[in-house]
Amino acid sequence: MPLGMFRAVLSFTALACALVTSGCGGLLKTQYEYEEELYLSLDGSATINVNASVASLVALRGVDLPIDPKARVDRGRVRALFEAAGAQVTRVSLSRRHGRRFVHVSVDVRDVHQLQRFPMFSWSTYHFEREGDVFAYRQMVGAPANQPVGDVGWTGEELVIFRMHIPSEIPYHNAPSKRTERGNILEWVQPLRERLSGTPIDVHVRMEPESILYTTLLLFGLTVVAAAIAFGVVIWWVARRGRESEELPRPAL
């Protein structure tokens, strides 16, 4: 086979493999019908993202949104559902998956305890406080609205997830997987049918009082200082050796 044709075949094969890998990754990625993703800070402030089908929002939270996938979903109406005193809605977007409409909302709050006062998050109670040498976070997700939605294409395999991004080291958590995902991420997954039936979700996390970012920056700063000191010592040593060489008596000619 000519070298040019061999390279062309090799390039095509590599591209095909990349496309297959990318496609398989998308297929294998777990998808959720309802998702709450909480980014918690040690000062108690938080950002919470909700990614959910309109059908799940109606069924779980009892909101007044059109379930018909052909119906128009008003972003302003979605925003109004999540707006409340002490909260700032920073993003509202829409998408479609499996023939169902999905909404994606981000909300910033100054105090995570405020969330239980907001209608969209009132099915949970939130506790975040200092306990000895650690911070303790506790969230109990209670009963949903369980509003009938009819046949919306659910197969019974749909999942609900509550995901947390923890800002510091985690000495204890009760996530069902027993592990920390991709850094400091914890996940509590539940079948949608169990969430609809009101099976509670108990979230319990203990975290260190210093953030990972602070620790990383501190270590980086100490490393830079140590490197600067070492560099200064080397320069001083080289300069001193130079002076000592100049001071040595020269041999007589």
C-alpha atoms as a PDB file:
ATOM      1  CA  MET A   1       0.000   0.000   0.000  1.00  0.00           C
ATOM      2  CA  PRO A   2       1.385   3.435  -0.920  1.00  0.00           C
ATOM      3  CA  LEU A   3       2.489   5.509   2.030  1.00  0.00           C
ATOM      4  CA  GLY A   4      -0.015   8.282   1.276  1.00  0.00           C
ATOM      5  CA  MET A   5      -2.943   5.861   1.165  1.00  0.00           C
ATOM      6  CA  PHE A   6      -1.752   4.174   4.377  1.00  0.00           C
ATOM      7  CA  ARG A   7      -1.704   7.530   6.166  1.00  0.00           C
ATOM      8  CA  ALA A   8      -5.184   8.339   4.865  1.00  0.00           C
ATOM      9  CA  VAL A   9      -6.558   5.015   6.115  1.00  0.00           C
ATOM     10  CA  LEU A  10      -4.833   5.507   9.472  1.00  0.00           C
ATOM     11  CA  SER A  11      -6.302   9.001   9.834  1.00  0.00           C
ATOM     12  CA  PHE A  12      -9.803   7.775   8.921  1.00  0.00           C
ATOM     13  CA  THR A  13      -9.531   4.913  11.419  1.00  0.00           C
ATOM     14  CA  ALA A  14      -8.437   7.272  14.206  1.00  0.00           C
ATOM     15  CA  LEU A  15     -11.329   9.630  13.421  1.00  0.00           C
ATOM     16  CA  ALA A  16     -13.822   6.761  13.400  1.00  0.00           C
ATOM     17  CA  CYS A  17     -12.536   5.483  16.738  1.00  0.00           C
ATOM     18  CA  ALA A  18     -12.823   8.957  18.238  1.00  0.00           C
ATOM     19  CA  LEU A  19     -16.403   9.315  17.008  1.00  0.00           C
ATOM     20  CA  VAL A  20     -17.358   5.874  18.314  1.00  0.00           C
ATOM     21  CA  THR A  21     -15.747   6.582  21.691  1.00  0.00           C
ATOM     22  CA  SER A  22     -17.504   9.927  21.921  1.00  0.00           C
ATOM     23  CA  GLY A  23     -20.814   8.368  20.977  1.00  0.00           C
ATOM     24  CA  CYS A  24     -20.435   5.521  23.440  1.00  0.00           C
ATOM     25  CA  GLY A  25     -19.521   7.988  26.182  1.00  0.00           C
ATOM     26  CA  GLY A  26     -22.762   9.881  25.561  1.00  0.00           C
ATOM     27  CA  LEU A  27     -24.763   6.661  25.537  1.00  0.00           C
ATOM     28  CA  LEU A  28     -23.164   5.333  28.693  1.00  0.00           C
ATOM     29  CA  LYS A  29     -23.517   8.567  30.649  1.00  0.00           C
ATOM     30  CA  THR A  30     -26.272   8.263  33.226  1.00  0.00           C
ATOM     31  CA  GLN A  31     -29.168  10.619  32.588  1.00  0.00           C
ATOM     32  CA  TYR A  32     -31.552  11.836  35.264  1.00  0.00           C
ATOM     33  CA  GLU A  33     -35.168  12.885  35.098  1.00  0.00           C
ATOM     34  CA  TYR A  34     -34.712  15.251  38.029  1.00  0.00           C
ATOM     35  CA  GLU A  35     -31.403  16.593  39.346  1.00  0.00           C
ATOM     36  CA  GLU A  36     -30.506  18.956  42.163  1.00  0.00           C
ATOM     37  CA  GLU A  37     -26.846  19.934  42.251  1.00  0.00           C
ATOM     38  CA  LEU A  38     -25.657  21.931  45.253  1.00  0.00           C
ATOM     39  CA  TYR A  39     -22.374  23.856  45.393  1.00  0.00           C
ATOM     40  CA  LEU A  40     -21.885  24.646  49.083  1.00  0.00           C
ATOM     41  CA  SER A  41     -19.426  27.176  50.540  1.00  0.00           C
ATOM     42  CA  LEU A  42     -18.098  27.106  54.085  1.00  0.00           C
ATOM     43  CA  ASP A  43     -19.688  30.496  54.796  1.00  0.00           C
ATOM     44  CA  GLY A  44     -23.107  28.925  54.211  1.00  0.00           C
ATOM     45  CA  SER A  45     -23.752  30.469  50.808  1.00  0.00           C
ATOM     46  CA  ALA A  46     -24.647  28.129  47.992  1.00  0.00           C
ATOM     47  CA  THR A  47     -25.496  27.726  44.335  1.00  0.00           C
ATOM     48  CA  ILE A  48     -28.110  25.156  43.437  1.00  0.00           C
ATOM     49  CA  ASN A  49     -28.704  23.904  39.909  1.00  0.00           C
ATOM     50  CA  VAL A  50     -31.920  22.154  38.937  1.00  0.00           C
ATOM     51  CA  ASN A  51     -31.984  20.131  35.722  1.00  0.00           C
ATOM     52  CA  ALA A  52     -35.336  18.436  35.342  1.00  0.00           C
ATOM     53  CA  SER A  53     -38.012  17.440  32.890  1.00  0.00           C
ATOM     54  CA  VAL A  54     -41.122  19.576  32.961  1.00  0.00           C
ATOM     55  CA  ALA A  55     -43.094  16.409  33.729  1.00  0.00           C
ATOM     56  CA  SER A  56     -40.969  15.680  36.807  1.00  0.00           C
ATOM     57  CA  LEU A  57     -41.355  19.258  38.067  1.00  0.00           C
ATOM     58  CA  VAL A  58     -45.122  18.983  37.738  1.00  0.00           C
ATOM     59  CA  ALA A  59     -45.233  15.552  39.380  1.00  0.00           C
ATOM     60  CA  LEU A  60     -42.704  16.187  42.153  1.00  0.00           C
ATOM     61  CA  ARG A  61     -43.197  19.880  42.905  1.00  0.00           C
ATOM     62  CA  GLY A  62     -46.757  20.425  41.736  1.00  0.00           C
ATOM     63  CA  VAL A  63     -45.912  23.372  39.477  1.00  0.00           C
ATOM     64  CA  ASP A  64     -48.213  24.712  36.776  1.00  0.00           C
ATOM     65  CA  LEU A  65     -46.292  24.088  33.556  1.00  0.00           C
ATOM     66  CA  PRO A  66     -47.471  22.510  30.279  1.00  0.00           C
ATOM     67  CA  ILE A  67     -46.612  18.820  30.099  1.00  0.00           C
ATOM     68  CA  ASP A  68     -47.325  18.538  26.373  1.00  0.00           C
ATOM     69  CA  PRO A  69     -43.874  18.377  24.715  1.00  0.00           C
ATOM     70  CA  LYS A  70     -45.241  20.420  21.794  1.00  0.00           C
ATOM     71  CA  ALA A  71     -46.397  23.237  24.083  1.00  0.00           C
ATOM     72  CA  ARG A  72     -44.282  26.342  24.531  1.00  0.00           C
ATOM     73  CA  VAL A  73     -42.548  26.653  27.914  1.00  0.00           C
ATOM     74  CA  ASP A  74     -42.189  30.266  29.032  1.00  0.00           C
ATOM     75  CA  ARG A  75     -38.744  30.924  30.532  1.00  0.00           C
ATOM     76  CA  GLY A  76     -40.115  33.863  32.492  1.00  0.00           C
ATOM     77  CA  ARG A  77     -42.675  31.581  34.064  1.00  0.00           C
ATOM     78  CA  VAL A  78     -39.967  29.085  34.989  1.00  0.00           C
ATOM     79  CA  ARG A  79     -37.843  31.871  36.474  1.00  0.00           C
ATOM     80  CA  ALA A  80     -40.765  33.057  38.582  1.00  0.00           C
ATOM     81  CA  LEU A  81     -41.110  29.589  40.122  1.00  0.00           C
ATOM     82  CA  PHE A  82     -37.579  29.772  41.523  1.00  0.00           C
ATOM     83  CA  GLU A  83     -37.414  33.445  42.451  1.00  0.00           C
ATOM     84  CA  ALA A  84     -37.739  34.374  46.115  1.00  0.00           C
ATOM     85  CA  ALA A  85     -36.419  36.919  48.592  1.00  0.00           C
ATOM     86  CA  GLY A  86     -32.776  36.109  49.327  1.00  0.00           C
ATOM     87  CA  ALA A  87     -32.297  34.180  46.089  1.00  0.00           C
ATOM     88  CA  GLN A  88     -30.938  35.196  42.711  1.00  0.00           C
ATOM     89  CA  VAL A  89     -31.832  33.204  39.614  1.00  0.00           C
ATOM     90  CA  THR A  90     -28.757  33.399  37.383  1.00  0.00           C
ATOM     91  CA  ARG A  91     -29.700  31.037  34.556  1.00  0.00           C
ATOM     92  CA  VAL A  92     -32.808  29.627  32.896  1.00  0.00           C
ATOM     93  CA  SER A  93     -32.547  27.493  29.769  1.00  0.00           C
ATOM     94  CA  LEU A  94     -34.569  24.793  28.016  1.00  0.00           C
ATOM     95  CA  SER A  95     -33.757  21.566  26.198  1.00  0.00           C
ATOM     96  CA  ARG A  96     -35.417  18.428  24.911  1.00  0.00           C
ATOM     97  CA  ARG A  97     -34.622  14.781  25.597  1.00  0.00           C
ATOM     98  CA  HIS A  98     -36.536  11.569  24.880  1.00  0.00           C
ATOM     99  CA  GLY A  99     -39.399  13.641  23.537  1.00  0.00           C
ATOM    100  CA  ARG A 100     -39.766  15.583  26.815  1.00  0.00           C
ATOM    101  CA  ARG A 101     -39.006  19.204  27.602  1.00  0.00           C
ATOM    102  CA  PHE A 102     -36.323  19.912  30.230  1.00  0.00           C
ATOM    103  CA  VAL A 103     -35.560  23.071  32.181  1.00  0.00           C
ATOM    104  CA  HIS A 104     -32.186  24.101  33.591  1.00  0.00           C
ATOM    105  CA  VAL A 105     -32.105  26.669  36.387  1.00  0.00           C
ATOM    106  CA  SER A 106     -29.306  28.062  38.597  1.00  0.00           C
ATOM    107  CA  VAL A 107     -30.051  29.834  41.878  1.00  0.00           C
ATOM    108  CA  ASP A 108     -27.631  31.624  44.227  1.00  0.00           C
ATOM    109  CA  VAL A 109     -28.484  32.002  47.931  1.00  0.00           C
ATOM    110  CA  ARG A 110     -26.605  33.781  50.714  1.00  0.00           C
ATOM    111  CA  ASP A 111     -27.595  31.158  53.288  1.00  0.00           C
ATOM    112  CA  VAL A 112     -28.348  27.531  52.453  1.00  0.00           C
ATOM    113  CA  HIS A 113     -30.937  27.466  55.260  1.00  0.00           C
ATOM    114  CA  GLN A 114     -33.077  29.838  53.181  1.00  0.00           C
ATOM    115  CA  LEU A 115     -33.752  27.146  50.605  1.00  0.00           C
ATOM    116  CA  GLN A 116     -36.402  25.431  52.714  1.00  0.00           C
ATOM    117  CA  ARG A 117     -38.444  28.657  52.621  1.00  0.00           C
ATOM    118  CA  PHE A 118     -38.589  28.595  48.819  1.00  0.00           C
ATOM    119  CA  PRO A 119     -41.512  26.619  47.333  1.00  0.00           C
ATOM    120  CA  MET A 120     -39.318  24.710  44.843  1.00  0.00           C
ATOM    121  CA  PHE A 121     -37.047  23.432  47.622  1.00  0.00           C
ATOM    122  CA  SER A 122     -39.452  23.273  50.543  1.00  0.00           C
ATOM    123  CA  TRP A 123     -39.634  19.475  50.422  1.00  0.00           C
ATOM    124  CA  SER A 124     -36.201  19.495  52.103  1.00  0.00           C
ATOM    125  CA  THR A 125     -34.953  20.671  55.464  1.00  0.00           C
ATOM    126  CA  TYR A 126     -31.426  22.069  55.618  1.00  0.00           C
ATOM    127  CA  HIS A 127     -28.990  22.236  58.537  1.00  0.00           C
ATOM    128  CA  PHE A 128     -25.436  23.510  58.261  1.00  0.00           C
ATOM    129  CA  GLU A 129     -23.436  24.361  61.360  1.00  0.00           C
ATOM    130  CA  ARG A 130     -20.114  23.993  63.123  1.00  0.00           C
ATOM    131  CA  GLU A 131     -19.826  20.860  65.257  1.00  0.00           C
ATOM    132  CA  GLY A 132     -16.530  20.789  67.123  1.00  0.00           C
ATOM    133  CA  ASP A 133     -13.668  20.658  64.648  1.00  0.00           C
ATOM    134  CA  VAL A 134     -15.833  20.161  61.534  1.00  0.00           C
ATOM    135  CA  PHE A 135     -18.828  21.573  59.712  1.00  0.00           C
ATOM    136  CA  ALA A 136     -21.882  19.316  59.542  1.00  0.00           C
ATOM    137  CA  TYR A 137     -24.413  19.440  56.706  1.00  0.00           C
ATOM    138  CA  ARG A 138     -27.740  17.635  56.929  1.00  0.00           C
ATOM    139  CA  GLN A 139     -30.541  17.595  54.377  1.00  0.00           C
ATOM    140  CA  MET A 140     -33.679  15.529  54.598  1.00  0.00           C
ATOM    141  CA  VAL A 141     -35.693  15.317  51.381  1.00  0.00           C
ATOM    142  CA  GLY A 142     -39.299  14.588  52.236  1.00  0.00           C
ATOM    143  CA  ALA A 143     -42.542  13.919  50.412  1.00  0.00           C
ATOM    144  CA  PRO A 144     -43.182  15.285  46.901  1.00  0.00           C
ATOM    145  CA  ALA A 145     -46.370  16.866  45.611  1.00  0.00           C
ATOM    146  CA  ASN A 146     -47.062  13.634  43.688  1.00  0.00           C
ATOM    147  CA  GLN A 147     -49.306  15.392  41.192  1.00  0.00           C
ATOM    148  CA  PRO A 148     -50.650  13.081  38.434  1.00  0.00           C
ATOM    149  CA  VAL A 149     -49.142  13.707  35.002  1.00  0.00           C
ATOM    150  CA  GLY A 150     -50.549  10.795  33.006  1.00  0.00           C
ATOM    151  CA  ASP A 151     -48.503   9.038  30.345  1.00  0.00           C
ATOM    152  CA  VAL A 152     -45.441  11.184  29.660  1.00  0.00           C
ATOM    153  CA  GLY A 153     -43.249   8.405  28.277  1.00  0.00           C
ATOM    154  CA  TRP A 154     -41.706   7.225  31.518  1.00  0.00           C
ATOM    155  CA  THR A 155     -40.521   3.609  31.451  1.00  0.00           C
ATOM    156  CA  GLY A 156     -40.073   3.115  35.201  1.00  0.00           C
ATOM    157  CA  GLU A 157     -36.281   3.246  34.926  1.00  0.00           C
ATOM    158  CA  GLU A 158     -35.974   7.025  35.396  1.00  0.00           C
ATOM    159  CA  LEU A 159     -33.671   8.291  38.132  1.00  0.00           C
ATOM    160  CA  VAL A 160     -33.511  11.241  40.498  1.00  0.00           C
ATOM    161  CA  ILE A 161     -30.217  12.544  41.877  1.00  0.00           C
ATOM    162  CA  PHE A 162     -29.136  14.943  44.611  1.00  0.00           C
ATOM    163  CA  ARG A 163     -25.505  15.888  44.029  1.00  0.00           C
ATOM    164  CA  MET A 164     -23.222  17.933  46.296  1.00  0.00           C
ATOM    165  CA  HIS A 165     -19.910  19.664  45.608  1.00  0.00           C
ATOM    166  CA  ILE A 166     -18.083  19.886  48.945  1.00  0.00           C
ATOM    167  CA  PRO A 167     -15.576  22.747  49.423  1.00  0.00           C
ATOM    168  CA  SER A 168     -13.190  20.926  51.788  1.00  0.00           C
ATOM    169  CA  GLU A 169     -11.953  17.519  52.879  1.00  0.00           C
ATOM    170  CA  ILE A 170     -14.688  15.052  53.840  1.00  0.00           C
ATOM    171  CA  PRO A 171     -14.074  12.976  56.985  1.00  0.00           C
ATOM    172  CA  TYR A 172     -17.579  11.465  56.816  1.00  0.00           C
ATOM    173  CA  HIS A 173     -20.532  11.126  54.443  1.00  0.00           C
ATOM    174  CA  ASN A 174     -23.419   8.700  53.985  1.00  0.00           C
ATOM    175  CA  ALA A 175     -23.653   8.683  50.180  1.00  0.00           C
ATOM    176  CA  PRO A 176     -24.968   5.253  49.108  1.00  0.00           C
ATOM    177  CA  SER A 177     -22.002   4.641  46.799  1.00  0.00           C
ATOM    178  CA  LYS A 178     -19.636   4.972  49.804  1.00  0.00           C
ATOM    179  CA  ARG A 179     -17.208   6.900  47.621  1.00  0.00           C
ATOM    180  CA  THR A 180     -16.384  10.423  46.531  1.00  0.00           C
ATOM    181  CA  GLU A 181     -16.859  11.095  42.839  1.00  0.00           C
ATOM    182  CA  ARG A 182     -14.356  13.074  40.719  1.00  0.00           C
ATOM    183  CA  GLY A 183     -12.838  15.126  43.504  1.00  0.00           C
ATOM    184  CA  ASN A 184     -15.202  16.237  46.261  1.00  0.00           C
ATOM    185  CA  ILE A 185     -18.533  15.307  44.699  1.00  0.00           C
ATOM    186  CA  LEU A 186     -21.118  13.205  46.528  1.00  0.00           C
ATOM    187  CA  GLU A 187     -24.266  11.699  45.016  1.00  0.00           C
ATOM    188  CA  TRP A 188     -27.548  10.371  46.356  1.00  0.00           C
ATOM    189  CA  VAL A 189     -29.473   8.569  43.590  1.00  0.00           C
ATOM    190  CA  GLN A 190     -33.046   7.330  43.852  1.00  0.00           C
ATOM    191  CA  PRO A 191     -35.467   5.779  41.335  1.00  0.00           C
ATOM    192  CA  LEU A 192     -38.128   8.266  40.306  1.00  0.00           C
ATOM    193  CA  ARG A 193     -40.867   5.861  41.420  1.00  0.00           C
ATOM    194  CA  GLU A 194     -39.447   5.880  44.964  1.00  0.00           C
ATOM    195  CA  ARG A 195     -39.222   9.665  44.954  1.00  0.00           C
ATOM    196  CA  LEU A 196     -42.852   9.862  43.833  1.00  0.00           C
ATOM    197  CA  SER A 197     -43.853   7.508  46.651  1.00  0.00           C
ATOM    198  CA  GLY A 198     -42.141   9.755  49.191  1.00  0.00           C
ATOM    199  CA  THR A 199     -39.229   7.526  50.205  1.00  0.00           C
ATOM    200  CA  PRO A 200     -37.034  10.022  52.125  1.00  0.00           C
ATOM    201  CA  ILE A 201     -33.447  10.834  51.244  1.00  0.00           C
ATOM    202  CA  ASP A 202     -31.134  11.547  54.164  1.00  0.00           C
ATOM    203  CA  VAL A 203     -28.016  13.526  53.251  1.00  0.00           C
ATOM    204  CA  HIS A 204     -25.333  13.765  55.918  1.00  0.00           C
ATOM    205  CA  VAL A 205     -21.828  15.178  55.353  1.00  0.00           C
ATOM    206  CA  ARG A 206     -19.050  16.322  57.655  1.00  0.00           C
ATOM    207  CA  MET A 207     -16.371  18.574  56.198  1.00  0.00           C
ATOM    208  CA  GLU A 208     -13.165  20.219  57.324  1.00  0.00           C
ATOM    209  CA  PRO A 209     -13.300  23.961  58.189  1.00  0.00           C
ATOM    210  CA  GLU A 210     -10.664  24.956  55.618  1.00  0.00           C
ATOM    211  CA  SER A 211     -11.531  24.927  51.943  1.00  0.00           C
ATOM    212  CA  ILE A 212      -9.524  22.904  49.465  1.00  0.00           C
ATOM    213  CA  LEU A 213      -8.901  26.073  47.462  1.00  0.00           C
ATOM    214  CA  TYR A 214      -7.478  27.836  50.524  1.00  0.00           C
ATOM    215  CA  THR A 215      -5.273  24.861  51.347  1.00  0.00           C
ATOM    216  CA  THR A 216      -4.114  24.591  47.739  1.00  0.00           C
ATOM    217  CA  LEU A 217      -3.293  28.293  47.542  1.00  0.00           C
ATOM    218  CA  LEU A 218      -1.494  28.116  50.892  1.00  0.00           C
ATOM    219  CA  LEU A 219       0.606  25.154  49.755  1.00  0.00           C
ATOM    220  CA  PHE A 220       1.296  26.872  46.446  1.00  0.00           C
ATOM    221  CA  GLY A 221       2.337  30.051  48.272  1.00  0.00           C
ATOM    222  CA  LEU A 222       4.606  28.129  50.616  1.00  0.00           C
ATOM    223  CA  THR A 223       6.128  26.319  47.651  1.00  0.00           C
ATOM    224  CA  VAL A 224       6.807  29.613  45.872  1.00  0.00           C
ATOM    225  CA  VAL A 225       8.361  31.089  49.027  1.00  0.00           C
ATOM    226  CA  ALA A 226      10.506  27.988  49.549  1.00  0.00           C
ATOM    227  CA  ALA A 227      11.637  28.083  45.919  1.00  0.00           C
ATOM    228  CA  ALA A 228      12.476  31.790  46.207  1.00  0.00           C
ATOM    229  CA  ILE A 229      14.489  31.163  49.379  1.00  0.00           C
ATOM    230  CA  ALA A 230      16.336  28.268  47.759  1.00  0.00           C
ATOM    231  CA  PHE A 231      17.050  30.385  44.676  1.00  0.00           C
ATOM    232  CA  GLY A 232      18.335  33.209  46.904  1.00  0.00           C
ATOM    233  CA  VAL A 233      20.584  30.812  48.799  1.00  0.00           C
ATOM    234  CA  VAL A 234      22.044  29.496  45.529  1.00  0.00           C
ATOM    235  CA  ILE A 235      22.707  33.029  44.273  1.00  0.00           C
ATOM    236  CA  TRP A 236      24.321  33.961  47.609  1.00  0.00           C
ATOM    237  CA  TRP A 237      26.489  30.828  47.527  1.00  0.00           C
ATOM    238  CA  VAL A 238      27.616  31.453  43.944  1.00  0.00           C
ATOM    239  CA  ALA A 239      28.405  35.105  44.705  1.00  0.00           C
ATOM    240  CA  ARG A 240      30.363  34.130  47.813  1.00  0.00           C
ATOM    241  CA  ARG A 241      32.368  31.530  45.912  1.00  0.00           C
ATOM    242  CA  GLY A 242      33.161  34.195  43.323  1.00  0.00           C
ATOM    243  CA  ARG A 243      34.453  36.605  45.957  1.00  0.00           C
ATOM    244  CA  GLU A 244      36.528  33.867  47.603  1.00  0.00           C
ATOM    245  CA  SER A 245      38.118  33.036  44.236  1.00  0.00           C
ATOM    246  CA  GLU A 246      39.048  36.669  43.665  1.00  0.00           C
ATOM    247  CA  GLU A 247      40.632  36.916  47.125  1.00  0.00           C
ATOM    248  CA  LEU A 248      42.947  33.909  46.660  1.00  0.00           C
ATOM    249  CA  PRO A 249      46.620  34.935  46.053  1.00  0.00           C
ATOM    250  CA  ARG A 250      47.702  34.564  42.486  1.00  0.00           C
ATOM    251  CA  PRO A 251      50.780  32.320  41.834  1.00  0.00           C
ATOM    252  CA  ALA A 252      54.033  34.156  41.082  1.00  0.00           C
ATOM    253  CA  LEU A 253      55.093  34.148  37.443  1.00  0.00           C
END
